[in-house]
Amino acid sequence: MLKLAAQKIILDRIKIKGRVHRLAKGLEITVESGDDQLILSNDRFGLTVSAPTLEEGIAGISEEIDALFEVYVDEKIENLTHDAIRLRSSLRALIPAGAGT
């Protein structure tokens, strides 16, 4: 199979807790072709998803972000480590203030 050079896409919306949210700042996703799959990744949040189509890959990235929100944003801050609090802050910065999650 022909492998293409990695490309970048910017997501401006993402589904969190069943609702689509417009992001405060675009989320950069690297898209690479693998063996019959696309590999979507984001270094900032440590995301990697493999999917047969771009649409399914984006849905997978959305699911991963949703899971991160559940673990870090929904958790009581006193239960988080310093690094987890920084990640929580970065995740919360994805959604414009007042948009709620």
Protein backbone atom coordinates (compact mmCIF):
# COMPACT_ATOMS: atom_id res chain seq x y z
CA MET A 1 0.00 0.00 0.00
CA LEU A 2 1.20 3.52 -0.80
CA LYS A 3 2.02 5.48 2.33
CA LEU A 4 1.45 9.21 2.24
CA ALA A 5 3.36 11.80 4.23
CA ALA A 6 1.79 12.81 7.53
CA GLN A 7 -0.69 15.65 7.27
CA LYS A 8 -2.16 17.96 9.89
CA ILE A 9 -5.82 18.72 10.37
CA ILE A 10 -7.35 21.12 12.87
CA LEU A 11 -10.52 20.14 14.72
CA ASP A 12 -12.71 23.08 15.65
CA ARG A 13 -15.43 21.00 17.32
CA ILE A 14 -15.42 17.92 19.47
CA LYS A 15 -18.06 15.79 21.17
CA ILE A 16 -17.80 15.71 24.97
CA LYS A 17 -20.44 14.13 27.21
CA GLY A 18 -22.77 13.66 24.27
CA ARG A 19 -22.66 17.32 23.21
CA VAL A 20 -20.71 18.86 20.37
CA HIS A 21 -18.60 21.77 21.61
CA ARG A 22 -16.89 24.44 19.55
CA LEU A 23 -13.28 24.55 20.71
CA ALA A 24 -11.71 27.74 22.04
CA LYS A 25 -8.66 26.95 19.91
CA GLY A 26 -8.31 24.37 17.14
CA LEU A 27 -6.98 20.96 18.16
CA GLU A 28 -4.14 19.93 15.85
CA ILE A 29 -4.28 16.30 14.77
CA THR A 30 -1.57 14.51 12.78
CA VAL A 31 -2.95 12.04 10.24
CA GLU A 32 -0.71 9.31 8.86
CA SER A 33 -1.52 6.37 6.65
CA GLY A 34 -0.79 2.88 7.93
CA ASP A 35 -1.60 -0.59 6.65
CA ASP A 36 -5.25 -0.17 5.61
CA GLN A 37 -5.73 2.26 8.51
CA LEU A 38 -5.26 5.91 9.28
CA ILE A 39 -3.41 6.84 12.44
CA LEU A 40 -4.57 10.06 14.08
CA SER A 41 -2.55 11.52 16.93
CA ASN A 42 -2.15 14.56 19.12
CA ASP A 43 1.03 14.94 21.14
CA ARG A 44 -0.34 17.58 23.52
CA PHE A 45 -2.83 15.15 25.04
CA GLY A 46 -1.03 11.90 24.20
CA LEU A 47 -3.78 10.70 21.87
CA THR A 48 -3.39 8.00 19.22
CA VAL A 49 -6.28 6.44 17.32
CA SER A 50 -6.26 3.98 14.44
CA ALA A 51 -9.31 3.85 12.14
CA PRO A 52 -10.21 2.86 8.59
CA THR A 53 -11.62 6.30 7.71
CA LEU A 54 -10.94 9.89 8.70
CA GLU A 55 -14.47 10.26 10.08
CA GLU A 56 -14.04 7.22 12.34
CA GLY A 57 -10.63 8.48 13.42
CA ILE A 58 -12.04 11.87 14.38
CA ALA A 59 -14.81 10.10 16.32
CA GLY A 60 -12.11 8.07 18.09
CA ILE A 61 -10.17 11.22 19.00
CA SER A 62 -13.39 12.71 20.34
CA GLU A 63 -13.99 9.60 22.47
CA GLU A 64 -10.44 9.80 23.85
CA ILE A 65 -10.88 13.48 24.78
CA ASP A 66 -14.22 12.62 26.37
CA ALA A 67 -12.52 9.92 28.47
CA LEU A 68 -9.82 12.37 29.55
CA PHE A 69 -12.52 14.83 30.63
CA GLU A 70 -14.17 12.11 32.70
CA VAL A 71 -10.89 11.16 34.43
CA TYR A 72 -9.35 14.60 34.94
CA VAL A 73 -11.98 17.35 34.65
CA ASP A 74 -14.84 15.59 36.43
CA GLU A 75 -12.57 14.39 39.28
CA LYS A 76 -12.24 16.40 42.48
CA ILE A 77 -9.11 18.53 42.20
CA GLU A 78 -7.80 17.36 45.59
CA ASN A 79 -7.59 13.81 44.18
CA LEU A 80 -5.25 14.87 41.35
CA THR A 81 -1.48 15.09 41.19
CA HIS A 82 0.28 18.28 40.10
CA ASP A 83 0.71 16.90 36.55
CA ALA A 84 -2.93 15.80 36.44
CA ILE A 85 -4.00 19.30 37.49
CA ARG A 86 -1.98 20.77 34.62
CA LEU A 87 -3.62 18.32 32.19
CA ARG A 88 -7.03 19.22 33.65
CA SER A 89 -6.31 22.89 33.02
CA SER A 90 -5.28 22.19 29.41
CA LEU A 91 -8.43 20.15 28.83
CA ARG A 92 -10.67 22.82 30.33
CA ALA A 93 -9.00 25.42 28.09
CA LEU A 94 -10.32 23.54 25.04
CA ILE A 95 -13.87 24.66 25.79
CA PRO A 96 -14.64 28.40 25.85
CA ALA A 97 -15.54 29.79 29.27
CA GLY A 98 -19.25 29.58 29.94
CA ALA A 99 -19.85 26.76 27.42
CA GLY A 100 -20.08 24.12 30.18
CA THR A 101 -19.41 20.42 29.79
